[in-house]
Protein backbone atom coordinates (compact mmCIF):
# COMPACT_ATOMS: atom_id res chain seq x y z
CA UNK A 1 13.21 6.83 28.15
CA UNK A 2 10.24 6.33 25.86
CA UNK A 3 10.45 9.89 24.56
CA UNK A 4 14.20 9.48 23.88
CA UNK A 5 13.56 6.34 21.83
CA UNK A 6 10.72 8.04 19.97
CA UNK A 7 12.97 11.02 19.15
CA UNK A 8 15.76 8.67 18.00
CA UNK A 9 13.52 6.81 15.56
CA UNK A 10 11.91 10.02 14.33
CA UNK A 11 15.37 11.42 13.54
CA UNK A 12 16.39 8.16 11.88
CA UNK A 13 13.26 8.22 9.67
CA UNK A 14 13.96 11.87 8.83
CA UNK A 15 17.51 11.05 7.71
CA UNK A 16 16.86 7.75 5.94
CA UNK A 17 13.46 8.60 4.43
CA UNK A 18 14.77 10.47 1.37
CA UNK A 19 17.34 7.73 0.72
CA UNK A 20 14.66 5.04 0.86
CA UNK A 21 12.35 6.98 -1.47
CA UNK A 22 15.19 7.59 -3.93
CA UNK A 23 16.02 3.87 -3.92
CA UNK A 24 12.34 3.09 -4.59
CA UNK A 25 12.43 5.48 -7.56
CA UNK A 26 15.62 3.90 -8.96
CA UNK A 27 14.27 0.33 -8.69
CA UNK A 28 10.79 1.13 -10.07
CA UNK A 29 9.63 -1.84 -12.19
CA UNK A 30 8.01 -1.57 -15.60
CA UNK A 31 4.28 -2.05 -15.56
CA UNK A 32 2.39 -4.90 -17.13
CA UNK A 33 1.01 -3.96 -20.55
CA UNK A 34 -2.63 -4.85 -21.16
CA UNK A 35 -4.98 -4.11 -24.02
CA UNK A 36 -6.91 -0.90 -23.24
CA UNK A 37 -10.25 -2.62 -22.62
CA UNK A 38 -8.70 -5.07 -20.16
CA UNK A 39 -6.77 -2.28 -18.39
CA UNK A 40 -10.02 -0.33 -18.04
CA UNK A 41 -11.62 -3.39 -16.41
CA UNK A 42 -8.66 -3.74 -14.01
CA UNK A 43 -8.84 -0.01 -13.19
CA UNK A 44 -12.55 -0.41 -12.40
CA UNK A 45 -11.80 -3.32 -10.04
CA UNK A 46 -9.06 -1.30 -8.32
CA UNK A 47 -11.59 1.35 -7.28
CA UNK A 48 -12.75 -1.05 -4.55
CA UNK A 49 -9.21 -1.25 -3.08
CA UNK A 50 -7.23 1.13 -0.88
CA UNK A 51 -3.72 0.73 0.52
CA UNK A 52 -3.10 2.17 3.98
CA UNK A 53 0.64 2.79 4.16
CA UNK A 54 3.58 4.79 5.43
CA UNK A 55 5.59 6.48 2.71
CA UNK A 56 9.02 5.15 3.78
CA UNK A 57 8.03 1.75 5.20
CA UNK A 58 10.03 -0.98 3.38
CA UNK A 59 7.06 -3.37 3.47
CA UNK A 60 4.80 -0.69 1.98
CA UNK A 61 7.38 -0.07 -0.73
CA UNK A 62 7.34 -3.79 -1.53
CA UNK A 63 3.56 -3.63 -2.06
CA UNK A 64 3.75 -0.41 -4.09
CA UNK A 65 6.42 -1.95 -6.35
CA UNK A 66 4.16 -4.95 -7.00
CA UNK A 67 1.27 -2.59 -7.74
CA UNK A 68 3.48 -0.86 -10.33
CA UNK A 69 4.58 -4.21 -11.77
CA UNK A 70 0.91 -5.20 -12.21
CA UNK A 71 -0.13 -1.70 -13.43
CA UNK A 72 -2.70 -1.26 -10.66
CA UNK A 73 -4.18 2.13 -9.84
CA UNK A 74 -4.98 1.58 -6.17
CA UNK A 75 -5.54 4.55 -3.88
CA UNK A 76 -2.71 5.15 -1.38
CA UNK A 77 -3.76 6.46 2.02
CA UNK A 78 -1.15 7.77 4.46
CA UNK A 79 -1.76 6.26 7.89
CA UNK A 80 1.43 7.52 9.54
CA UNK A 81 0.13 10.90 10.64
CA UNK A 82 -2.75 11.33 13.05
CA UNK A 83 -5.95 11.92 11.12
CA UNK A 84 -8.89 10.33 9.36
CA UNK A 85 -6.89 7.63 7.52
CA UNK A 86 -5.15 6.42 10.67
CA UNK A 87 -8.42 6.56 12.62
CA UNK A 88 -10.20 4.49 9.94
CA UNK A 89 -7.43 1.90 10.04
CA UNK A 90 -7.47 1.71 13.84
CA UNK A 91 -11.27 1.52 14.04
CA UNK A 92 -11.70 -1.14 11.35
CA UNK A 93 -8.68 -3.39 11.89
CA UNK A 94 -7.89 -2.66 15.53
CA UNK A 95 -4.26 -1.71 14.91
CA UNK A 96 -2.17 0.82 13.02
CA UNK A 97 -0.10 -1.87 11.30
CA UNK A 98 0.84 -1.18 7.69
CA UNK A 99 0.72 -2.06 4.90
CA UNK A 100 -2.97 -2.83 5.02
CA UNK A 101 -5.17 -3.37 1.97
CA UNK A 102 -8.84 -2.51 2.33
CA UNK A 103 -10.94 -4.66 0.01
CA UNK A 104 -14.54 -3.49 -0.40
CA UNK A 105 -17.04 -5.78 -2.10
CA UNK A 106 -20.09 -4.80 -4.17
CA UNK A 107 -22.34 -4.73 -1.10
CA UNK A 108 -20.04 -2.28 0.72
CA UNK A 109 -18.56 -4.78 3.19
CA UNK A 110 -14.83 -4.37 3.78
CA UNK A 111 -12.12 -6.89 4.45
CA UNK A 112 -8.75 -5.74 5.80
CA UNK A 113 -5.64 -7.60 4.67
CA UNK A 114 -2.42 -7.02 6.65
CA UNK A 115 1.10 -8.23 5.86
CA UNK A 116 2.96 -7.31 2.69
CA UNK A 117 3.42 -10.93 1.61
CA UNK A 118 -0.30 -11.66 1.89
CA UNK A 119 -1.17 -8.46 0.01
CA UNK A 120 1.27 -9.24 -2.82
CA UNK A 121 -0.09 -12.81 -3.06
CA UNK A 122 -3.66 -11.47 -3.21
CA UNK A 123 -2.82 -8.90 -5.90
CA UNK A 124 -0.96 -11.45 -8.04
CA UNK A 125 -3.78 -13.97 -7.70
CA UNK A 126 -6.42 -11.44 -8.63
CA UNK A 127 -4.65 -9.39 -11.31
CA UNK A 128 -1.59 -11.23 -12.71
CA UNK A 129 -3.77 -13.40 -14.97
CA UNK A 130 -5.35 -10.30 -16.54
CA UNK A 131 -2.57 -9.70 -19.02
């Protein structure tokens, strides 16, 4: 029964995935315009962030749309397929739940933030005032 359910959802993702990605493209927000020096500072801060995500996850799309709205260049790491990204997420946070924002401080310590709402709130609090 488990394999039947897995096959059903895999087929559903295969069929709906392109539709979801097209909808994300159509609803893409305009980015926040900053003066070049301020944008360079924001880009530097974003180097300490990484978003673990699935390409067609609606909650991941919500976070990506907010990143576009705030003009943030945060690295996207695919955690859906087996591999290093998924292993890193599992090892550090204990679960393969996405979206997950990895926040690394200056000393190299990492904090893992789950939940799209919490991630959006964090990004707005940190970067929305840098306009």
